[in-house]
C-alpha atoms as a PDB file:
ATOM      1  CA  MET A   1      27.986  14.183   1.450  1.00  0.00           C
ATOM      2  CA  THR A   2      28.608  13.737   5.142  1.00  0.00           C
ATOM      3  CA  THR A   3      31.898  11.971   5.951  1.00  0.00           C
ATOM      4  CA  LEU A   4      30.841  10.553   9.305  1.00  0.00           C
ATOM      5  CA  THR A   5      28.410  10.937  12.132  1.00  0.00           C
ATOM      6  CA  THR A   6      29.144  10.706  15.838  1.00  0.00           C
ATOM      7  CA  VAL A   7      26.739  10.073  18.739  1.00  0.00           C
ATOM      8  CA  TYR A   8      27.645  10.577  22.384  1.00  0.00           C
ATOM      9  CA  GLN A   9      26.685   7.324  24.181  1.00  0.00           C
ATOM     10  CA  GLY A  10      27.197   8.575  27.704  1.00  0.00           C
ATOM     11  CA  GLY A  11      29.904   7.491  30.163  1.00  0.00           C
ATOM     12  CA  LEU A  12      32.535   9.399  28.136  1.00  0.00           C
ATOM     13  CA  ARG A  13      32.025   7.093  25.135  1.00  0.00           C
ATOM     14  CA  THR A  14      31.239   8.057  21.510  1.00  0.00           C
ATOM     15  CA  GLU A  15      30.267   5.971  18.533  1.00  0.00           C
ATOM     16  CA  SER A  16      31.228   7.232  15.061  1.00  0.00           C
ATOM     17  CA  THR A  17      29.910   5.805  11.826  1.00  0.00           C
ATOM     18  CA  HIS A  18      31.673   6.186   8.494  1.00  0.00           C
ATOM     19  CA  THR A  19      28.934   7.203   6.072  1.00  0.00           C
ATOM     20  CA  ARG A  20      30.157   5.418   2.966  1.00  0.00           C
ATOM     21  CA  SER A  21      31.125   2.134   4.461  1.00  0.00           C
ATOM     22  CA  GLY A  22      29.044   1.937   7.625  1.00  0.00           C
ATOM     23  CA  ASN A  23      32.087   0.988   9.636  1.00  0.00           C
ATOM     24  CA  VAL A  24      31.786   1.961  13.309  1.00  0.00           C
ATOM     25  CA  LEU A  25      34.425   3.289  15.652  1.00  0.00           C
ATOM     26  CA  ILE A  26      34.073   3.596  19.418  1.00  0.00           C
ATOM     27  CA  THR A  27      36.101   6.053  21.546  1.00  0.00           C
ATOM     28  CA  ASP A  28      36.481   6.205  25.314  1.00  0.00           C
ATOM     29  CA  ALA A  29      38.103   8.819  27.424  1.00  0.00           C
ATOM     30  CA  PRO A  30      41.470   7.599  28.759  1.00  0.00           C
ATOM     31  CA  VAL A  31      41.796   6.293  32.356  1.00  0.00           C
ATOM     32  CA  ASP A  32      43.945   9.275  33.315  1.00  0.00           C
ATOM     33  CA  ASN A  33      41.046  11.597  32.221  1.00  0.00           C
ATOM     34  CA  ASN A  34      38.100   9.992  34.025  1.00  0.00           C
ATOM     35  CA  GLY A  35      37.444   7.361  31.308  1.00  0.00           C
ATOM     36  CA  LYS A  36      37.312   3.642  31.098  1.00  0.00           C
ATOM     37  CA  GLY A  37      40.166   3.415  28.534  1.00  0.00           C
ATOM     38  CA  GLU A  38      38.382   0.498  26.823  1.00  0.00           C
ATOM     39  CA  ALA A  39      38.821   1.875  23.305  1.00  0.00           C
ATOM     40  CA  PHE A  40      40.941   4.415  21.434  1.00  0.00           C
ATOM     41  CA  SER A  41      40.700   7.887  22.955  1.00  0.00           C
ATOM     42  CA  PRO A  42      40.226  10.884  20.652  1.00  0.00           C
ATOM     43  CA  THR A  43      43.868  11.799  21.009  1.00  0.00           C
ATOM     44  CA  ASP A  44      44.897   8.187  20.224  1.00  0.00           C
ATOM     45  CA  LEU A  45      42.947   8.613  16.990  1.00  0.00           C
ATOM     46  CA  VAL A  46      45.012  11.694  16.121  1.00  0.00           C
ATOM     47  CA  CYS A  47      48.181   9.585  16.493  1.00  0.00           C
ATOM     48  CA  THR A  48      46.570   6.724  14.540  1.00  0.00           C
ATOM     49  CA  ALA A  49      45.655   9.246  11.820  1.00  0.00           C
ATOM     50  CA  LEU A  50      49.291  10.346  11.559  1.00  0.00           C
ATOM     51  CA  SER A  51      50.763   6.877  11.385  1.00  0.00           C
ATOM     52  CA  THR A  52      48.158   5.492   8.961  1.00  0.00           C
ATOM     53  CA  CYS A  53      48.429   8.575   6.708  1.00  0.00           C
ATOM     54  CA  MET A  54      52.187   8.134   6.566  1.00  0.00           C
ATOM     55  CA  LEU A  55      51.821   4.454   5.562  1.00  0.00           C
ATOM     56  CA  THR A  56      49.014   5.122   3.120  1.00  0.00           C
ATOM     57  CA  THR A  57      50.753   7.948   1.241  1.00  0.00           C
ATOM     58  CA  MET A  58      54.003   5.928   1.182  1.00  0.00           C
ATOM     59  CA  GLY A  59      51.973   2.999  -0.165  1.00  0.00           C
ATOM     60  CA  ILE A  60      50.479   5.088  -2.999  1.00  0.00           C
ATOM     61  CA  TRP A  61      53.962   6.101  -4.146  1.00  0.00           C
ATOM     62  CA  ALA A  62      55.493   2.708  -3.585  1.00  0.00           C
ATOM     63  CA  ALA A  63      52.809   0.949  -5.666  1.00  0.00           C
ATOM     64  CA  ARG A  64      53.498   3.319  -8.560  1.00  0.00           C
ATOM     65  CA  GLU A  65      57.294   2.754  -8.299  1.00  0.00           C
ATOM     66  CA  GLY A  66      57.081  -1.056  -7.821  1.00  0.00           C
ATOM     67  CA  VAL A  67      58.434  -0.958  -4.252  1.00  0.00           C
ATOM     68  CA  ASP A  68      56.826  -3.442  -1.910  1.00  0.00           C
ATOM     69  CA  ILE A  69      56.187  -1.951   1.521  1.00  0.00           C
ATOM     70  CA  SER A  70      53.836  -4.707   2.631  1.00  0.00           C
ATOM     71  CA  GLY A  71      54.467  -5.456   6.289  1.00  0.00           C
ATOM     72  CA  MET A  72      55.855  -2.004   7.129  1.00  0.00           C
ATOM     73  CA  ARG A  73      54.719  -1.144  10.559  1.00  0.00           C
ATOM     74  CA  THR A  74      54.602   1.748  12.918  1.00  0.00           C
ATOM     75  CA  GLU A  75      55.035   1.975  16.652  1.00  0.00           C
ATOM     76  CA  VAL A  76      53.573   5.187  18.177  1.00  0.00           C
ATOM     77  CA  ILE A  77      54.086   6.853  21.528  1.00  0.00           C
ATOM     78  CA  LYS A  78      51.741   9.723  22.467  1.00  0.00           C
ATOM     79  CA  VAL A  79      52.998  12.275  25.020  1.00  0.00           C
ATOM     80  CA  MET A  80      50.338  14.386  26.613  1.00  0.00           C
ATOM     81  CA  GLY A  81      50.953  17.859  28.042  1.00  0.00           C
ATOM     82  CA  SER A  82      49.014  19.761  30.643  1.00  0.00           C
ATOM     83  CA  ASN A  83      47.694  23.281  31.151  1.00  0.00           C
ATOM     84  CA  PRO A  84      46.148  22.923  28.647  1.00  0.00           C
ATOM     85  CA  ARG A  85      45.765  19.157  28.290  1.00  0.00           C
ATOM     86  CA  LYS A  86      46.831  18.424  24.725  1.00  0.00           C
ATOM     87  CA  ILE A  87      49.098  16.254  22.643  1.00  0.00           C
ATOM     88  CA  ALA A  88      52.602  17.587  23.222  1.00  0.00           C
ATOM     89  CA  GLU A  89      54.466  15.021  21.162  1.00  0.00           C
ATOM     90  CA  ILE A  90      53.883  12.131  18.839  1.00  0.00           C
ATOM     91  CA  GLN A  91      56.759   9.687  18.355  1.00  0.00           C
ATOM     92  CA  VAL A  92      56.442   7.394  15.347  1.00  0.00           C
ATOM     93  CA  LYS A  93      58.850   4.628  14.411  1.00  0.00           C
ATOM     94  CA  LEU A  94      58.287   3.256  10.911  1.00  0.00           C
ATOM     95  CA  SER A  95      60.067  -0.003  10.238  1.00  0.00           C
ATOM     96  CA  GLN A  96      60.368  -2.793   7.715  1.00  0.00           C
ATOM     97  CA  LYS A  97      63.061  -5.381   7.826  1.00  0.00           C
ATOM     98  CA  ASN A  98      64.664  -6.153   4.485  1.00  0.00           C
ATOM     99  CA  LEU A  99      63.006  -3.380   2.511  1.00  0.00           C
ATOM    100  CA  VAL A 100      64.011  -3.854  -1.082  1.00  0.00           C
ATOM    101  CA  ALA A 101      64.627  -0.291  -2.285  1.00  0.00           C
ATOM    102  CA  THR A 102      67.407   1.908  -3.395  1.00  0.00           C
ATOM    103  CA  ASN A 103      68.735   4.594  -1.086  1.00  0.00           C
ATOM    104  CA  GLU A 104      67.033   7.163  -3.280  1.00  0.00           C
ATOM    105  CA  GLN A 105      63.684   5.372  -2.951  1.00  0.00           C
ATOM    106  CA  LYS A 106      64.079   5.076   0.819  1.00  0.00           C
ATOM    107  CA  GLU A 107      64.722   8.813   1.078  1.00  0.00           C
ATOM    108  CA  ARG A 108      61.672   9.504  -1.039  1.00  0.00           C
ATOM    109  CA  LEU A 109      59.566   7.281   1.264  1.00  0.00           C
ATOM    110  CA  LYS A 110      60.846   9.206   4.263  1.00  0.00           C
ATOM    111  CA  ASP A 111      60.010  12.528   2.652  1.00  0.00           C
ATOM    112  CA  ILE A 112      56.493  11.316   1.752  1.00  0.00           C
ATOM    113  CA  ALA A 113      55.907  10.212   5.348  1.00  0.00           C
ATOM    114  CA  LEU A 114      57.118  13.486   6.789  1.00  0.00           C
ATOM    115  CA  HIS A 115      54.878  15.488   4.496  1.00  0.00           C
ATOM    116  CA  CYS A 116      51.712  13.448   4.541  1.00  0.00           C
ATOM    117  CA  PRO A 117      48.449  15.399   4.828  1.00  0.00           C
ATOM    118  CA  VAL A 118      47.995  14.654   8.558  1.00  0.00           C
ATOM    119  CA  ALA A 119      51.582  15.566   9.423  1.00  0.00           C
ATOM    120  CA  LEU A 120      51.055  18.856   7.624  1.00  0.00           C
ATOM    121  CA  SER A 121      47.700  19.410   9.349  1.00  0.00           C
ATOM    122  CA  LEU A 122      48.914  19.065  12.913  1.00  0.00           C
ATOM    123  CA  HIS A 123      49.611  22.278  14.771  1.00  0.00           C
ATOM    124  CA  GLU A 124      53.248  23.242  14.963  1.00  0.00           C
ATOM    125  CA  SER A 125      53.124  22.977  18.769  1.00  0.00           C
ATOM    126  CA  VAL A 126      52.719  19.176  18.423  1.00  0.00           C
ATOM    127  CA  ASN A 127      56.275  17.870  18.247  1.00  0.00           C
ATOM    128  CA  GLN A 128      56.567  15.036  15.699  1.00  0.00           C
ATOM    129  CA  LEU A 129      59.492  12.797  16.308  1.00  0.00           C
ATOM    130  CA  ILE A 130      59.788  10.370  13.404  1.00  0.00           C
ATOM    131  CA  GLU A 131      62.216   7.527  13.174  1.00  0.00           C
ATOM    132  CA  PHE A 132      62.802   5.231  10.231  1.00  0.00           C
ATOM    133  CA  GLU A 133      64.255   1.727  10.320  1.00  0.00           C
ATOM    134  CA  PHE A 134      64.709   0.420   6.815  1.00  0.00           C
END
């Protein structure tokens, strides 16, 4: 089964549809690359994939262990390189004030985030700087 379909809309915009749910996602090229910057850029989505994968995989484990990570958030900074233009670095800060967990559980959550499927799928040339505040 197809996971998603994408149609080029013109003007450096795409529209992707998730096959199972029908949810639609728009991308625009960023302003610094001839785009309008009115939506996530494709490279923004890579960063989004990393941060959401970290939270999701942590959430799977946390639910099993009875640790509530509701409200945990990420702040992401994307650093672009040039020649070739590519993501050079993704900085992710994961934080949750007053996380109720043992030190061992917190360390396990960190390990899960650092080894989520997206983190493991990114090329080694993409520097991942991950910070935890909990």
